[in-house]
Amino acid sequence: MTERFDCHHCENSLFGRKYVLREEQPYCVGCFEALFASTCEECGKLIGCDCKDLSYKDRHWHEACFHCSRCRSSLVDKPFAAKEDQVLCTDCYSQEYSSRCQECRKAIMPGTRKMEYKGSSWHETCFTCHRCQQPIGTKSFIPKDGQNFCVPCYEKQHALQCIQCKKPITSGGVTYREQPWHRECFVCTACKKPLSGQRFTSRDEFAYCLGCFCDLYAKKCTGCANPISGLGGTKYISFEERQWHNDCFNCKKCSLSLVGRGFVTERDDILCPDCGKDI
């Protein structure tokens, strides 16, 4: 007795008939197309078993229906691009949607490499240094007055030179006495610590941090022996080549502040009038 060979869906015999296997189950052509065949995006008809099914992102076309939405040329075995519900040949897509190269003004074709910077686009071969005309590619570059420069050309043509090391300043930097410095080159003359962002002063056109300036040049307070910087509005008292911080200018005996008051001296000491009566 011959074993039955039926369509998995309608159970009609498949002997002598065309059939399609799906997940190891046989279907007659009619059932397979009704159950599984895709609908063509272009003509709206089923894509039967005897037709080639071209698909892109869950969309399907007959081979004869797969053409550019704009110029109607066939896209079979050709590159194409999709925009919203349209599929377009590369020529139509570039004319309608592609960005234009900032240098040559030609369209940048889909699938080609392009360079972008602040809303502008270039072909990779058009994105070159304005000075040496060499492609910049993925290397660092510096824009200047609407033009792009590779770093070496920018340094030669535009960058300021540090007054200390004589090398170009490509970013940041500080200005002191109308001269440019790298931040790392602008240091205290004495201790060599960076002065950028710190309070400092100068003497004989040399810059010093406050600590070094006070240690080297500031007068010492007669009262506490610490330096009197005189910076930032610091007030002090001066008398007969001696100096005191305002807070240190006190009577030696009773510690009364003598700022703005009369006083008397006894050798190196200063006294208020009351304590000086016994001298």
Protein backbone atom coordinates (compact mmCIF):
# COMPACT_ATOMS: atom_id res chain seq x y z
CA MET A 1 0.00 0.00 0.00
CA THR A 2 1.47 3.37 -1.03
CA GLU A 3 2.06 5.95 1.81
CA ARG A 4 -0.01 9.12 1.47
CA PHE A 5 1.72 12.42 0.58
CA ASP A 6 -0.72 15.27 1.22
CA CYS A 7 -0.62 19.07 1.52
CA HIS A 8 -0.07 20.00 5.16
CA HIS A 9 -2.89 22.58 4.99
CA CYS A 10 -5.65 21.35 2.66
CA GLU A 11 -4.66 17.66 2.91
CA ASN A 12 -5.11 17.14 -0.82
CA SER A 13 -2.74 14.64 -2.35
CA LEU A 14 0.46 16.07 -3.75
CA PHE A 15 1.34 13.12 -5.97
CA GLY A 16 2.06 14.40 -9.46
CA ARG A 17 1.65 18.05 -8.33
CA LYS A 18 4.08 20.88 -7.58
CA TYR A 19 4.57 21.56 -3.91
CA VAL A 20 6.73 23.69 -1.57
CA LEU A 21 8.45 22.61 1.62
CA ARG A 22 8.24 25.00 4.56
CA GLU A 23 9.69 23.98 7.90
CA GLU A 24 9.84 20.42 6.53
CA GLN A 25 6.10 20.42 5.81
CA PRO A 26 4.79 20.11 2.21
CA TYR A 27 2.22 22.57 0.85
CA CYS A 28 0.50 22.69 -2.51
CA VAL A 29 1.29 25.84 -4.46
CA GLY A 30 -2.15 27.34 -3.87
CA CYS A 31 -2.01 26.90 -0.08
CA PHE A 32 1.58 28.07 0.17
CA GLU A 33 0.87 31.30 -1.74
CA ALA A 34 -2.32 31.96 0.24
CA LEU A 35 -0.61 31.37 3.57
CA PHE A 36 2.95 32.61 3.12
CA ALA A 37 3.48 34.55 -0.12
CA SER A 38 4.38 38.25 0.26
CA THR A 39 2.48 41.09 -1.39
CA CYS A 40 4.42 43.26 -3.83
CA GLU A 41 4.87 46.85 -2.66
CA GLU A 42 4.52 48.15 -6.22
CA CYS A 43 1.64 46.25 -7.84
CA GLY A 44 -0.14 44.92 -4.76
CA LYS A 45 -0.24 41.35 -6.10
CA LEU A 46 1.08 38.21 -4.46
CA ILE A 47 4.62 37.19 -5.28
CA GLY A 48 4.06 33.61 -6.38
CA CYS A 49 6.36 30.64 -6.17
CA ASP A 50 7.39 31.04 -9.78
CA CYS A 51 8.57 34.66 -9.19
CA LYS A 52 11.69 36.00 -7.58
CA ASP A 53 10.94 37.80 -4.30
CA LEU A 54 13.17 40.85 -3.68
CA SER A 55 12.98 42.16 -0.13
CA TYR A 56 14.29 45.11 1.87
CA LYS A 57 13.41 45.79 5.51
CA ASP A 58 10.22 43.67 5.53
CA ARG A 59 9.10 45.07 2.18
CA HIS A 60 8.82 42.87 -0.92
CA TRP A 61 8.73 43.37 -4.69
CA HIS A 62 8.44 41.32 -7.86
CA GLU A 63 11.72 41.50 -9.73
CA ALA A 64 10.02 43.46 -12.52
CA CYS A 65 8.44 45.87 -9.99
CA PHE A 66 11.64 46.77 -8.14
CA HIS A 67 12.52 50.12 -9.69
CA CYS A 68 13.41 53.68 -8.66
CA SER A 69 10.39 55.59 -7.37
CA ARG A 70 11.48 58.67 -9.24
CA CYS A 71 13.08 57.74 -12.61
CA ARG A 72 11.54 54.24 -12.77
CA SER A 73 14.83 52.57 -13.72
CA SER A 74 15.32 49.00 -12.51
CA LEU A 75 17.15 48.59 -9.19
CA VAL A 76 17.80 44.86 -9.58
CA ASP A 77 21.47 44.15 -8.74
CA LYS A 78 22.15 47.91 -8.41
CA PRO A 79 22.92 50.05 -5.38
CA PHE A 80 19.96 52.03 -4.06
CA ALA A 81 18.91 54.17 -1.14
CA ALA A 82 15.67 54.44 0.82
CA LYS A 83 13.97 57.64 1.92
CA GLU A 84 10.71 57.41 3.82
CA ASP A 85 8.55 55.05 1.67
CA GLN A 86 10.59 55.48 -1.49
CA VAL A 87 13.45 53.45 -2.89
CA LEU A 88 15.69 55.48 -5.18
CA CYS A 89 18.65 54.89 -7.43
CA THR A 90 21.82 56.59 -6.20
CA ASP A 91 21.60 59.33 -8.86
CA CYS A 92 18.05 60.35 -7.92
CA TYR A 93 18.79 60.11 -4.21
CA SER A 94 21.87 62.32 -4.47
CA GLN A 95 20.02 64.93 -6.54
CA GLU A 96 17.14 65.04 -4.09
CA TYR A 97 18.65 64.42 -0.66
CA SER A 98 22.45 64.14 -0.60
CA SER A 99 24.51 66.88 0.99
CA ARG A 100 26.80 68.96 -1.21
CA CYS A 101 30.55 69.07 -0.77
CA GLN A 102 31.63 72.40 0.67
CA GLU A 103 34.67 72.43 -1.61
CA CYS A 104 33.60 71.13 -5.05
CA ARG A 105 29.82 71.68 -4.61
CA LYS A 106 29.07 68.23 -6.05
CA ALA A 107 26.70 65.76 -4.38
CA ILE A 108 28.19 63.33 -1.89
CA MET A 109 26.87 59.99 -3.09
CA PRO A 110 25.28 57.51 -0.66
CA GLY A 111 27.76 54.94 0.61
CA THR A 112 30.80 57.15 0.02
CA ARG A 113 32.88 58.42 2.90
CA LYS A 114 32.38 62.04 3.84
CA MET A 115 33.79 64.46 6.40
CA GLU A 116 31.47 66.68 8.46
CA TYR A 117 32.18 69.71 10.63
CA LYS A 118 29.65 72.21 12.05
CA GLY A 119 26.93 71.39 9.56
CA SER A 120 29.17 71.38 6.47
CA SER A 121 30.21 68.28 4.50
CA TRP A 122 33.13 67.40 2.25
CA HIS A 123 34.19 64.48 0.09
CA GLU A 124 37.06 62.79 1.88
CA THR A 125 39.43 63.84 -0.93
CA CYS A 126 38.13 67.44 -0.86
CA PHE A 127 38.67 67.93 2.90
CA THR A 128 42.20 69.31 2.63
CA CYS A 129 44.45 71.78 4.41
CA HIS A 130 44.07 75.26 2.92
CA ARG A 131 47.83 75.82 3.04
CA CYS A 132 49.47 72.54 1.94
CA GLN A 133 46.42 71.07 0.14
CA GLN A 134 47.03 67.64 1.70
CA PRO A 135 43.96 65.59 2.78
CA ILE A 136 43.27 66.03 6.48
CA GLY A 137 41.36 62.75 6.89
CA THR A 138 41.04 61.84 10.56
CA LYS A 139 44.00 63.98 11.66
CA SER A 140 43.58 67.00 13.93
CA PHE A 141 42.85 70.29 12.24
CA ILE A 142 42.21 73.92 13.21
CA PRO A 143 39.55 76.13 11.55
CA LYS A 144 40.52 79.76 10.88
CA ASP A 145 38.42 82.40 9.04
CA GLY A 146 36.30 79.78 7.29
CA GLN A 147 39.31 77.71 6.21
CA ASN A 148 40.72 74.49 7.65
CA PHE A 149 44.40 73.93 8.41
CA CYS A 150 46.35 70.88 9.47
CA VAL A 151 48.11 71.53 12.77
CA PRO A 152 51.66 71.99 11.34
CA CYS A 153 50.46 74.52 8.73
CA TYR A 154 48.38 76.42 11.29
CA GLU A 155 51.37 76.68 13.59
CA LYS A 156 53.54 78.02 10.77
CA GLN A 157 50.99 80.54 9.52
CA HIS A 158 48.86 81.67 12.44
CA ALA A 159 49.93 80.45 15.88
CA LEU A 160 51.56 82.81 18.36
CA GLN A 161 54.95 81.75 19.73
CA CYS A 162 55.51 81.42 23.44
CA ILE A 163 57.96 84.08 24.65
CA GLN A 164 59.60 81.51 26.92
CA CYS A 165 60.05 78.32 24.84
CA LYS A 166 59.61 79.87 21.36
CA LYS A 167 57.18 77.08 20.37
CA PRO A 168 53.70 77.72 18.88
CA ILE A 169 50.68 78.18 21.15
CA THR A 170 47.91 76.13 19.54
CA SER A 171 45.32 76.40 22.33
CA GLY A 172 44.83 78.31 25.55
CA GLY A 173 47.87 80.25 26.67
CA VAL A 174 48.17 83.39 28.78
CA THR A 175 49.22 86.96 28.09
CA TYR A 176 51.55 88.82 30.44
CA ARG A 177 52.90 92.28 29.62
CA GLU A 178 51.31 91.92 26.18
CA GLN A 179 53.40 88.84 25.44
CA PRO A 180 52.08 85.27 24.84
CA TRP A 181 53.03 82.32 27.04
CA HIS A 182 52.07 78.66 27.27
CA ARG A 183 50.29 78.12 30.57
CA GLU A 184 52.97 75.63 31.58
CA CYS A 185 55.75 78.09 30.68
CA PHE A 186 54.36 80.98 32.72
CA VAL A 187 55.97 80.15 36.10
CA CYS A 188 57.35 81.89 39.16
CA THR A 189 60.88 83.17 38.53
CA ALA A 190 62.05 81.75 41.88
CA CYS A 191 60.24 78.45 42.58
CA LYS A 192 59.10 77.64 39.02
CA LYS A 193 55.53 76.84 40.08
CA PRO A 194 52.83 77.69 37.45
CA LEU A 195 51.29 81.12 37.91
CA SER A 196 48.31 80.69 35.59
CA GLY A 197 45.12 81.11 37.61
CA GLN A 198 47.12 82.15 40.71
CA ARG A 199 47.74 85.54 42.32
CA PHE A 200 51.20 86.84 41.51
CA THR A 201 53.22 90.04 41.34
CA SER A 202 56.33 91.23 39.57
CA ARG A 203 59.63 92.93 40.25
CA ASP A 204 62.05 94.17 37.59
CA GLU A 205 59.66 92.68 34.97
CA PHE A 206 59.99 89.19 36.47
CA ALA A 207 56.88 87.41 37.76
CA TYR A 208 56.77 85.85 41.24
CA CYS A 209 54.20 83.92 43.22
CA LEU A 210 53.20 85.76 46.40
CA GLY A 211 55.12 83.41 48.65
CA CYS A 212 58.43 83.89 46.82
CA PHE A 213 57.92 87.62 46.43
CA CYS A 214 57.30 88.05 50.14
CA ASP A 215 60.28 85.87 51.08
CA LEU A 216 62.62 87.72 48.73
CA TYR A 217 61.48 91.32 48.77
CA ALA A 218 58.73 92.12 51.29
CA LYS A 219 59.54 94.08 54.44
CA LYS A 220 59.20 92.19 57.71
CA CYS A 221 56.72 93.23 60.38
CA THR A 222 58.48 94.45 63.53
CA GLY A 223 55.70 92.91 65.60
CA CYS A 224 55.32 89.37 64.19
CA ALA A 225 58.40 89.14 61.89
CA ASN A 226 56.21 87.91 59.00
CA PRO A 227 56.41 89.57 55.56
CA ILE A 228 54.22 92.56 54.75
CA SER A 229 53.19 91.93 51.16
CA GLY A 230 51.41 95.21 50.61
CA LEU A 231 49.22 93.38 48.04
CA GLY A 232 45.46 93.25 47.84
CA GLY A 233 45.00 96.40 49.88
CA THR A 234 47.00 95.16 52.89
CA LYS A 235 47.45 98.07 55.31
CA TYR A 236 50.56 98.61 57.38
CA ILE A 237 52.22 101.24 59.58
CA SER A 238 55.67 102.63 58.87
CA PHE A 239 57.78 104.52 61.45
CA GLU A 240 61.51 105.28 61.39
CA GLU A 241 62.33 102.54 58.83
CA ARG A 242 60.27 100.01 60.74
CA GLN A 243 56.96 98.52 59.58
CA TRP A 244 54.04 96.78 61.29
CA HIS A 245 50.91 95.06 60.09
CA ASN A 246 47.92 97.10 61.25
CA ASP A 247 46.95 94.24 63.57
CA CYS A 248 50.48 94.13 65.02
CA PHE A 249 50.79 97.83 65.77
CA ASN A 250 49.95 97.51 69.48
CA CYS A 251 51.25 98.76 72.82
CA LYS A 252 54.03 96.47 74.03
CA LYS A 253 52.65 96.44 77.59
CA CYS A 254 48.82 96.51 77.39
CA SER A 255 48.39 95.36 73.75
CA LEU A 256 46.09 98.30 72.97
CA SER A 257 45.92 98.99 69.22
CA LEU A 258 47.83 102.17 68.42
CA VAL A 259 46.48 102.58 64.87
CA GLY A 260 45.33 106.18 64.57
CA ARG A 261 46.46 106.94 68.14
CA GLY A 262 49.43 108.71 69.68
CA PHE A 263 52.27 106.56 71.00
CA VAL A 264 55.72 106.80 72.52
CA THR A 265 58.80 104.66 71.96
CA GLU A 266 61.12 102.94 74.38
CA ARG A 267 64.12 101.60 72.50
CA ASP A 268 62.56 99.12 70.00
CA ASP A 269 59.15 99.04 71.71
CA ILE A 270 56.08 101.21 71.14
CA LEU A 271 53.81 102.14 74.02
CA CYS A 272 50.47 103.86 74.44
CA PRO A 273 50.65 107.25 76.25
CA ASP A 274 49.35 105.73 79.51
CA CYS A 275 51.96 102.94 79.62
CA GLY A 276 54.64 105.43 78.54
CA LYS A 277 54.12 107.70 81.56
CA ASP A 278 56.53 105.69 83.66
CA ILE A 279 59.41 106.03 81.20
